[in-house]
Amino acid sequence: MKIKVLKFGGSSLADAEQMKKVAAIVKNDRACRYVIPSAPGKRFSGDDKVTDLLYRCYELSCEEMDITGVFEVIKNRYRDIIKGLGMDFSLEDEFKKIEISILNHAGRDYVASRGEYLNGMILAHYLGYKFIDAAKGIYFFDNGTFDAERTNTRLSELLNKYDHAVIPGFYGSMPNGTIKTFSRGGSDITGAIVARAVGADIYENWTDVSGFLMADPRIVDNPKPIDTITYRELRELAYMGATVLHDESIFPVRHARIPINIRNTNDPAAKGTMIVSRVGEEKDDAVITGIAGKKGISIISIEKDMMNAELGFGRRVLQAIEDHGISFEHLPSGVDTLSVVLHTKALEGKRESVLAAIRKAVNPDVLNIEDGYALIAVVGRRMVAAKGTAQRIFRSVADADINIKMIDQGSSEMDIIIGVRECDYENAINAIYREFDR
């Protein structure tokens, strides 16, 4: 029998009615064996996500302030879900343990992880599935990085004991037993880890949208849906801001060649988007798969005569940046010029010291930082075989009276990234979309 692993996002588990939809999806398919829940998300505009409330409790505790009011809101969210499901089930003992831990200054990751933990307990009881604490099978190294092989071995052993189980997303444990979380949206990663561990036939990621769209619908009016996308394409789009799926969730399933299906909890009949290793012959002649981007970008521009002849020039520049704990996004260059593209937030409180370190390292003729840029990635597996793709991108942006500050293309020729002013970001995306939506 097929094995499906299903992850449900916060909007899918925000209240009792949503959880009933989830239970119907799971129970209607015998292949649905393992379920990964997120913490309750927003029920309506202006509502709070439970994870945000937990972070607030942590902050209040650190400031020695009263957490009672905020924690009561959290408890009532879960009580309402239990009541709405008509369950004979109580979390009161868990609430007491968590509150005491927060008051005793439990770690930030522990506090944040309790949203998934509690929701997992409710969902497991409602489905009649075994509840497995993620801390018992998902591990991190001492330096906080994910221990993939130990996790896969232990989780496989653990899950193979049960035909059905609920494993809360977002967290695991450190070697000393303390809780460690993935970055926000990390329940997607947990789902992929579980899918690999049980050798799933498919990993279904259920959210509040029916798959990926070619562009952000907040920017482009009614963009086309993407029926099928490769892991590599998805990685590029997710990293550049497409938020349907956490970009790191691709790796566990990609290596195991397990397809991902993005589905809509509120429209379970919709087929969604399939994410696969590779795509065979297609009738669709679309050149690009999708467009994504992000704002808040700064560019460090460096000029120096005979830069190309100076051994180790680029390494010294990057070392100066690395010494400040900053990673770069892109590194476009010319014979006597070098640009380092990075997030503006990363420079907060470090701007002058970074410039001073670069001056000391390479003694440039010109050195400055420009803020207010955005990056746009145009991604497509067919781009490598389509002549004139770059020309079409640049022409469409130029015809919209937008200047391109930076151009970068990976060796795979699967994507072309341009840098534009933030004020031109939306117009540039629309211009590119219109060019290829013909």
Protein backbone atom coordinates (compact mmCIF):
# COMPACT_ATOMS: atom_id res chain seq x y z
CA MET A 1 0.00 0.00 0.00
CA LYS A 2 1.16 3.51 -0.76
CA ILE A 3 2.48 5.68 2.05
CA LYS A 4 1.58 9.36 2.15
CA VAL A 5 3.03 11.90 4.56
CA LEU A 6 0.85 14.98 5.03
CA LYS A 7 1.90 18.29 6.51
CA PHE A 8 -0.78 20.84 7.39
CA GLY A 9 0.01 24.53 7.82
CA GLY A 10 -1.20 26.89 10.50
CA SER A 11 -4.15 28.20 8.48
CA SER A 12 -5.29 24.59 7.99
CA LEU A 13 -5.34 24.03 11.75
CA ALA A 14 -6.37 27.47 13.01
CA ASP A 15 -9.62 26.35 14.63
CA ALA A 16 -11.94 23.35 15.11
CA GLU A 17 -13.67 23.71 11.75
CA GLN A 18 -10.36 23.69 9.91
CA MET A 19 -9.19 20.70 11.90
CA LYS A 20 -12.36 18.84 10.88
CA LYS A 21 -11.41 19.46 7.24
CA VAL A 22 -7.96 18.06 7.94
CA ALA A 23 -9.40 14.95 9.59
CA ALA A 24 -11.69 14.38 6.59
CA ILE A 25 -8.75 14.61 4.19
CA VAL A 26 -6.70 12.14 6.24
CA LYS A 27 -9.49 9.66 6.90
CA ASN A 28 -10.69 9.60 3.28
CA ASP A 29 -7.40 8.13 2.03
CA ARG A 30 -5.99 4.91 3.49
CA ALA A 31 -2.54 5.86 2.26
CA CYS A 32 -2.40 8.82 4.68
CA ARG A 33 -0.18 7.34 7.35
CA TYR A 34 1.83 10.12 8.97
CA VAL A 35 0.69 13.68 9.69
CA ILE A 36 2.78 16.73 10.61
CA PRO A 37 0.86 19.68 12.10
CA SER A 38 1.88 23.30 12.47
CA ALA A 39 0.74 25.51 15.34
CA PRO A 40 -2.67 27.21 14.95
CA GLY A 41 -2.42 30.13 12.54
CA LYS A 42 -4.61 33.14 11.99
CA ARG A 43 -8.38 32.56 11.92
CA PHE A 44 -9.08 35.96 10.38
CA SER A 45 -7.32 39.16 9.40
CA GLY A 46 -5.85 40.79 12.49
CA ASP A 47 -5.78 37.55 14.46
CA ASP A 48 -2.57 36.28 16.10
CA LYS A 49 -0.66 33.13 15.25
CA VAL A 50 -0.08 30.99 18.33
CA THR A 51 3.67 30.90 17.62
CA ASP A 52 3.80 34.70 17.72
CA LEU A 53 1.95 34.66 21.06
CA LEU A 54 4.45 32.16 22.43
CA TYR A 55 7.35 34.34 21.32
CA ARG A 56 5.63 37.21 23.13
CA CYS A 57 5.42 35.15 26.32
CA TYR A 58 9.13 34.43 26.05
CA GLU A 59 9.94 38.13 25.63
CA LEU A 60 7.76 39.11 28.59
CA SER A 61 9.42 36.48 30.74
CA CYS A 62 12.88 37.76 29.81
CA GLU A 63 11.77 41.24 30.87
CA GLU A 64 10.40 39.83 34.15
CA MET A 65 6.90 40.92 33.13
CA ASP A 66 3.58 39.13 33.65
CA ILE A 67 2.75 36.53 30.98
CA THR A 68 -0.68 35.63 32.38
CA GLY A 69 -2.79 37.59 29.90
CA VAL A 70 -0.99 36.43 26.76
CA PHE A 71 -0.71 32.84 27.97
CA GLU A 72 -4.43 32.76 28.74
CA VAL A 73 -5.13 33.71 25.12
CA ILE A 74 -3.00 30.78 24.01
CA LYS A 75 -4.75 28.35 26.34
CA ASN A 76 -8.16 29.53 25.17
CA ARG A 77 -7.22 28.93 21.51
CA TYR A 78 -6.59 25.27 22.28
CA ARG A 79 -9.58 24.96 24.59
CA ASP A 80 -11.81 26.33 21.83
CA ILE A 81 -10.43 23.80 19.35
CA ILE A 82 -10.99 20.90 21.76
CA LYS A 83 -14.50 22.07 22.55
CA GLY A 84 -15.35 22.61 18.88
CA LEU A 85 -14.23 19.07 18.10
CA GLY A 86 -16.41 17.68 20.89
CA MET A 87 -13.44 15.85 22.40
CA ASP A 88 -13.10 14.42 25.90
CA PHE A 89 -9.53 15.61 26.14
CA SER A 90 -7.61 18.08 28.29
CA LEU A 91 -4.32 19.94 27.94
CA GLU A 92 -4.47 21.60 31.36
CA ASP A 93 -1.52 19.63 32.76
CA GLU A 94 0.55 20.51 29.69
CA PHE A 95 -0.40 24.18 30.08
CA LYS A 96 0.90 24.14 33.65
CA LYS A 97 4.20 22.54 32.65
CA ILE A 98 4.74 25.01 29.82
CA GLU A 99 3.82 28.05 31.93
CA ILE A 100 6.22 27.00 34.68
CA SER A 101 8.97 26.45 32.10
CA ILE A 102 8.43 29.91 30.62
CA LEU A 103 8.49 31.54 34.06
CA ASN A 104 11.74 29.69 34.77
CA HIS A 105 13.22 31.17 31.62
CA ALA A 106 13.06 28.16 29.33
CA GLY A 107 14.84 28.66 26.02
CA ARG A 108 13.26 30.63 23.19
CA ASP A 109 13.15 27.58 20.94
CA TYR A 110 11.41 25.46 23.58
CA VAL A 111 8.73 28.11 24.10
CA ALA A 112 8.12 28.58 20.36
CA SER A 113 7.90 24.83 19.71
CA ARG A 114 5.02 24.29 22.12
CA GLY A 115 2.49 25.52 19.54
CA GLU A 116 3.13 22.53 17.29
CA TYR A 117 3.53 20.20 20.26
CA LEU A 118 0.08 21.01 21.69
CA ASN A 119 -1.64 21.02 18.31
CA GLY A 120 -0.05 17.67 17.56
CA MET A 121 -1.48 16.20 20.75
CA ILE A 122 -4.98 17.39 19.86
CA LEU A 123 -4.81 16.16 16.27
CA ALA A 124 -3.41 12.76 17.27
CA HIS A 125 -6.23 12.25 19.78
CA TYR A 126 -8.87 13.39 17.28
CA LEU A 127 -7.57 11.08 14.53
CA GLY A 128 -6.86 8.18 16.85
CA TYR A 129 -3.20 8.21 15.76
CA LYS A 130 -0.08 7.69 17.85
CA PHE A 131 1.50 10.96 19.05
CA ILE A 132 5.28 11.05 18.68
CA ASP A 133 7.21 13.97 20.12
CA ALA A 134 9.55 15.26 17.40
CA ALA A 135 12.28 15.71 20.03
CA LYS A 136 12.51 11.91 20.24
CA GLY A 137 13.51 11.45 16.63
CA ILE A 138 14.72 14.70 15.03
CA TYR A 139 18.22 15.75 16.02
CA PHE A 140 20.63 18.65 15.70
CA PHE A 141 24.39 18.83 16.12
CA ASP A 142 26.01 20.86 18.93
CA ASN A 143 26.48 23.78 16.53
CA GLY A 144 22.73 23.90 15.83
CA THR A 145 22.81 22.42 12.33
CA PHE A 146 20.47 19.58 11.43
CA ASP A 147 21.81 16.03 11.92
CA ALA A 148 20.22 14.43 8.86
CA GLU A 149 21.65 10.90 9.01
CA ARG A 150 21.14 10.27 12.72
CA THR A 151 17.62 11.64 12.38
CA ASN A 152 16.80 9.44 9.40
CA THR A 153 18.04 6.29 11.16
CA ARG A 154 16.26 6.96 14.44
CA LEU A 155 13.03 8.27 12.91
CA SER A 156 12.81 5.28 10.57
CA GLU A 157 13.11 2.91 13.53
CA LEU A 158 10.55 4.86 15.53
CA LEU A 159 7.90 5.35 12.86
CA ASN A 160 8.09 1.82 11.49
CA LYS A 161 6.58 0.68 14.80
CA TYR A 162 3.32 2.47 14.03
CA ASP A 163 0.96 2.32 11.08
CA HIS A 164 -0.28 5.85 11.80
CA ALA A 165 1.29 8.70 13.74
CA VAL A 166 1.24 12.46 14.28
CA ILE A 167 4.64 14.15 14.59
CA PRO A 168 4.59 17.88 15.40
CA GLY A 169 6.57 20.06 13.04
CA PHE A 170 9.16 22.81 13.48
CA TYR A 171 11.46 21.36 16.15
CA GLY A 172 13.79 18.60 17.32
CA SER A 173 16.40 18.22 20.05
CA MET A 174 20.03 19.09 20.68
CA PRO A 175 22.57 16.49 21.94
CA ASN A 176 21.97 17.74 25.51
CA GLY A 177 18.22 17.20 25.17
CA THR A 178 17.18 20.84 24.86
CA ILE A 179 14.70 21.85 22.15
CA LYS A 180 15.93 23.36 18.88
CA THR A 181 13.65 24.77 16.19
CA PHE A 182 14.09 25.16 12.47
CA SER A 183 13.58 28.64 11.04
CA ARG A 184 10.01 29.95 10.73
CA GLY A 185 7.95 27.76 8.46
CA GLY A 186 10.09 24.80 9.52
CA SER A 187 7.17 22.39 9.77
CA ASP A 188 7.61 22.00 6.00
CA ILE A 189 11.10 20.66 6.73
CA THR A 190 9.78 18.23 9.34
CA GLY A 191 7.30 16.86 6.82
CA ALA A 192 10.06 16.24 4.30
CA ILE A 193 12.24 14.58 6.94
CA VAL A 194 9.42 12.23 7.91
CA ALA A 195 8.69 11.45 4.25
CA ARG A 196 12.29 10.40 3.72
CA ALA A 197 12.40 8.38 6.95
CA VAL A 198 9.37 6.25 6.07
CA GLY A 199 10.14 5.99 2.35
CA ALA A 200 6.93 7.76 1.41
CA ASP A 201 5.52 7.52 -2.09
CA ILE A 202 4.47 11.16 -1.90
CA TYR A 203 4.72 14.10 0.50
CA GLU A 204 1.58 16.25 0.50
CA ASN A 205 1.97 19.74 1.86
CA TRP A 206 -1.47 21.21 2.64
CA THR A 207 -1.90 24.95 2.96
CA ASP A 208 -4.47 27.64 2.07
CA VAL A 209 -3.57 27.99 -1.63
CA SER A 210 -3.99 25.53 -4.51
CA GLY A 211 -0.31 25.22 -5.35
CA PHE A 212 2.27 27.60 -6.76
CA LEU A 213 1.48 30.49 -9.08
CA MET A 214 3.81 31.93 -11.70
CA ALA A 215 4.05 35.17 -9.73
CA ASP A 216 2.89 36.74 -6.49
CA PRO A 217 -0.88 37.43 -6.87
CA ARG A 218 -0.44 40.53 -4.70
CA ILE A 219 1.68 41.97 -7.50
CA VAL A 220 0.40 40.31 -10.69
CA ASP A 221 -3.32 40.10 -11.34
CA ASN A 222 -4.50 36.49 -11.59
CA PRO A 223 -1.18 34.81 -12.43
CA LYS A 224 -1.27 31.35 -13.99
CA PRO A 225 -0.93 28.28 -11.75
CA ILE A 226 2.10 26.01 -12.05
CA ASP A 227 1.06 22.39 -12.58
CA THR A 228 4.52 20.83 -12.36
CA ILE A 229 7.83 22.21 -11.16
CA THR A 230 11.23 20.64 -10.50
CA TYR A 231 13.01 20.70 -7.14
CA ARG A 232 15.71 22.93 -8.59
CA GLU A 233 13.23 25.45 -9.92
CA LEU A 234 11.34 25.46 -6.64
CA ARG A 235 14.54 25.98 -4.67
CA GLU A 236 15.32 29.08 -6.73
CA LEU A 237 11.81 30.52 -6.41
CA ALA A 238 11.39 29.69 -2.71
CA TYR A 239 14.78 31.20 -1.84
CA MET A 240 13.86 34.35 -3.73
CA GLY A 241 10.64 34.87 -1.82
CA ALA A 242 7.94 32.47 -3.08
CA THR A 243 6.48 31.59 0.31
CA VAL A 244 4.24 28.57 -0.30
CA LEU A 245 6.97 26.15 0.82
CA HIS A 246 10.09 26.53 2.99
CA ASP A 247 13.08 26.37 0.64
CA GLU A 248 15.04 23.97 2.91
CA SER A 249 12.23 21.41 2.89
CA ILE A 250 13.25 20.32 -0.60
CA PHE A 251 16.51 18.59 0.33
CA PRO A 252 15.34 15.52 2.33
CA VAL A 253 12.82 14.46 -0.31
CA ARG A 254 14.85 15.43 -3.36
CA HIS A 255 17.64 13.01 -2.49
CA ALA A 256 15.06 10.26 -1.95
CA ARG A 257 13.21 11.23 -5.18
CA ILE A 258 9.94 11.64 -3.31
CA PRO A 259 7.53 14.02 -5.11
CA ILE A 260 5.86 16.86 -3.21
CA ASN A 261 2.27 17.84 -3.89
CA ILE A 262 1.16 21.30 -2.73
CA ARG A 263 -2.56 21.07 -1.89
CA ASN A 264 -5.32 23.35 -0.58
CA THR A 265 -7.10 22.28 2.63
CA ASN A 266 -10.07 24.45 1.68
CA ASP A 267 -10.27 22.97 -1.84
CA PRO A 268 -9.13 19.35 -1.55
CA ALA A 269 -10.42 18.50 -5.04
CA ALA A 270 -7.86 20.83 -6.64
CA LYS A 271 -4.83 18.90 -7.90
CA GLY A 272 -2.36 21.57 -6.78
CA THR A 273 1.28 21.69 -7.87
CA MET A 274 3.51 18.65 -8.25
CA ILE A 275 7.19 19.07 -7.37
CA VAL A 276 9.40 16.41 -8.97
CA SER A 277 13.04 15.57 -9.69
CA ARG A 278 12.72 15.98 -13.43
CA VAL A 279 10.03 16.46 -16.04
CA GLY A 280 9.77 14.44 -19.25
CA GLU A 281 8.58 15.60 -22.64
CA GLU A 282 5.95 18.33 -22.31
CA LYS A 283 3.48 19.86 -24.67
CA ASP A 284 3.57 23.11 -22.74
CA ASP A 285 5.90 25.49 -24.57
CA ALA A 286 6.16 28.10 -21.79
CA VAL A 287 9.75 29.31 -21.50
CA ILE A 288 9.68 30.35 -17.86
CA THR A 289 8.20 28.57 -14.85
CA GLY A 290 7.91 31.44 -12.41
CA ILE A 291 9.02 34.85 -11.20
CA ALA A 292 9.91 35.74 -7.59
CA GLY A 293 11.85 38.40 -5.78
CA LYS A 294 12.64 40.21 -2.58
CA LYS A 295 13.23 43.74 -1.40
CA GLY A 296 15.60 45.10 1.24
CA ILE A 297 18.81 44.63 -0.74
CA SER A 298 22.04 46.63 -0.54
CA ILE A 299 24.95 46.61 -2.97
CA ILE A 300 28.55 47.22 -1.94
CA SER A 301 30.37 48.56 -5.01
CA ILE A 302 34.16 48.29 -5.23
CA GLU A 303 36.40 49.70 -7.96
CA LYS A 304 40.16 49.35 -8.29
CA ASP A 305 42.48 49.56 -11.27
CA MET A 306 44.10 46.21 -12.14
CA MET A 307 41.85 44.41 -9.66
CA ASN A 308 41.92 41.31 -11.86
CA ALA A 309 45.70 41.03 -11.50
CA GLU A 310 45.69 41.29 -7.72
CA LEU A 311 45.86 37.77 -6.32
CA GLY A 312 43.27 37.06 -3.62
CA PHE A 313 41.37 40.32 -4.08
CA GLY A 314 37.90 38.78 -4.01
CA ARG A 315 38.79 36.44 -1.15
CA ARG A 316 39.94 39.34 1.04
CA VAL A 317 36.75 41.29 0.33
CA LEU A 318 34.57 38.35 1.26
CA GLN A 319 36.68 37.61 4.34
CA ALA A 320 36.09 41.16 5.59
CA ILE A 321 32.35 40.62 5.18
CA GLU A 322 32.42 37.14 6.71
CA ASP A 323 34.30 38.46 9.75
CA HIS A 324 31.20 40.57 10.46
CA GLY A 325 28.92 37.55 10.35
CA ILE A 326 27.38 38.54 7.02
CA SER A 327 26.72 36.26 4.05
CA PHE A 328 26.31 37.59 0.52
CA GLU A 329 23.59 36.92 -2.04
CA HIS A 330 25.42 37.53 -5.33
CA LEU A 331 28.81 38.65 -6.54
CA PRO A 332 28.65 40.23 -10.02
CA SER A 333 31.98 41.58 -11.23
CA GLY A 334 33.92 43.21 -14.05
CA VAL A 335 37.62 43.57 -14.83
CA ASP A 336 38.15 46.40 -12.34
CA THR A 337 34.84 46.29 -10.46
CA LEU A 338 33.24 44.02 -7.91
CA SER A 339 29.78 44.21 -6.37
CA VAL A 340 28.67 42.37 -3.27
CA VAL A 341 24.90 41.99 -3.02
CA LEU A 342 23.49 41.38 0.46
CA HIS A 343 20.52 41.99 2.72
CA THR A 344 20.29 45.53 4.09
CA LYS A 345 19.31 44.22 7.53
CA ALA A 346 22.59 42.34 7.76
CA LEU A 347 24.43 45.68 7.71
CA GLU A 348 22.57 47.15 10.68
CA GLY A 349 25.10 48.44 13.20
CA LYS A 350 27.99 47.17 11.05
CA ARG A 351 27.97 49.45 8.03
CA GLU A 352 30.98 51.62 8.83
CA SER A 353 33.05 48.78 10.26
CA VAL A 354 32.41 46.66 7.16
CA LEU A 355 33.55 49.49 4.88
CA ALA A 356 36.62 50.07 7.06
CA ALA A 357 37.50 46.37 6.94
CA ILE A 358 37.22 46.28 3.13
CA ARG A 359 39.36 49.43 2.80
CA LYS A 360 42.03 47.84 4.99
CA ALA A 361 41.87 44.54 3.11
CA VAL A 362 42.09 45.75 -0.51
CA ASN A 363 42.62 49.54 -0.53
CA PRO A 364 40.01 50.22 -3.26
CA ASP A 365 39.91 53.34 -5.44
CA VAL A 366 36.13 53.63 -4.97
CA LEU A 367 33.98 52.04 -2.25
CA ASN A 368 30.34 52.70 -1.40
CA ILE A 369 27.09 51.08 -0.29
CA GLU A 370 23.80 51.67 -2.08
CA ASP A 371 20.52 50.74 -0.39
CA GLY A 372 16.97 50.47 -1.65
CA TYR A 373 17.32 47.68 -4.19
CA ALA A 374 15.29 44.57 -4.93
CA LEU A 375 16.19 41.29 -6.63
CA ILE A 376 13.98 39.55 -9.18
CA ALA A 377 14.57 35.97 -10.31
CA VAL A 378 13.12 34.63 -13.56
CA VAL A 379 13.24 30.84 -13.33
CA GLY A 380 12.57 28.11 -15.87
CA ARG A 381 13.96 24.70 -16.82
CA ARG A 382 13.29 25.46 -20.51
CA MET A 383 15.28 28.70 -20.54
CA VAL A 384 18.54 26.94 -21.44
CA ALA A 385 17.09 25.82 -24.78
CA ALA A 386 15.12 28.99 -25.56
CA LYS A 387 17.04 31.55 -27.61
CA GLY A 388 16.61 35.20 -26.73
CA THR A 389 15.20 34.70 -23.21
CA ALA A 390 17.58 37.18 -21.60
CA GLN A 391 16.88 39.69 -24.36
CA ARG A 392 13.13 39.41 -23.72
CA ILE A 393 13.60 39.98 -20.00
CA PHE A 394 15.83 43.02 -20.44
CA ARG A 395 13.67 44.51 -23.19
CA SER A 396 10.46 44.16 -21.20
CA VAL A 397 12.03 45.90 -18.22
CA ALA A 398 13.52 48.65 -20.41
CA ASP A 399 10.18 49.19 -22.16
CA ALA A 400 8.69 49.79 -18.69
CA ASP A 401 11.27 52.60 -18.27
CA ILE A 402 13.12 50.70 -15.53
CA ASN A 403 16.90 50.64 -15.18
CA ILE A 404 18.64 47.38 -14.30
CA LYS A 405 21.40 47.78 -11.73
CA MET A 406 22.65 44.19 -11.64
CA ILE A 407 22.49 41.04 -13.78
CA ASP A 408 23.46 37.55 -12.65
CA GLN A 409 22.93 34.12 -14.20
CA GLY A 410 23.80 30.74 -12.73
CA SER A 411 25.88 28.19 -14.63
CA SER A 412 22.81 25.96 -15.02
CA GLU A 413 21.13 28.73 -17.04
CA MET A 414 17.92 27.93 -15.19
CA ASP A 415 17.51 31.43 -13.83
CA ILE A 416 18.37 35.03 -14.55
CA ILE A 417 18.47 37.46 -11.63
CA ILE A 418 18.28 41.21 -12.01
CA GLY A 419 18.56 44.01 -9.49
CA VAL A 420 16.29 47.05 -9.69
CA ARG A 421 15.32 49.91 -7.43
CA GLU A 422 12.70 48.97 -4.83
CA CYS A 423 10.36 51.60 -6.26
CA ASP A 424 10.44 49.73 -9.60
CA TYR A 425 10.04 46.23 -8.13
CA GLU A 426 6.32 45.62 -8.77
CA ASN A 427 6.36 47.25 -12.21
CA ALA A 428 9.35 45.17 -13.28
CA ILE A 429 7.69 41.89 -12.23
CA ASN A 430 4.52 42.82 -14.09
CA ALA A 431 6.49 43.77 -17.19
CA ILE A 432 8.35 40.45 -17.24
CA TYR A 433 5.19 38.44 -16.57
CA ARG A 434 3.33 40.15 -19.44
CA GLU A 435 6.23 39.45 -21.79
CA PHE A 436 6.10 35.70 -21.20
CA ASP A 437 2.35 35.34 -20.67
CA ARG A 438 1.51 35.24 -24.36
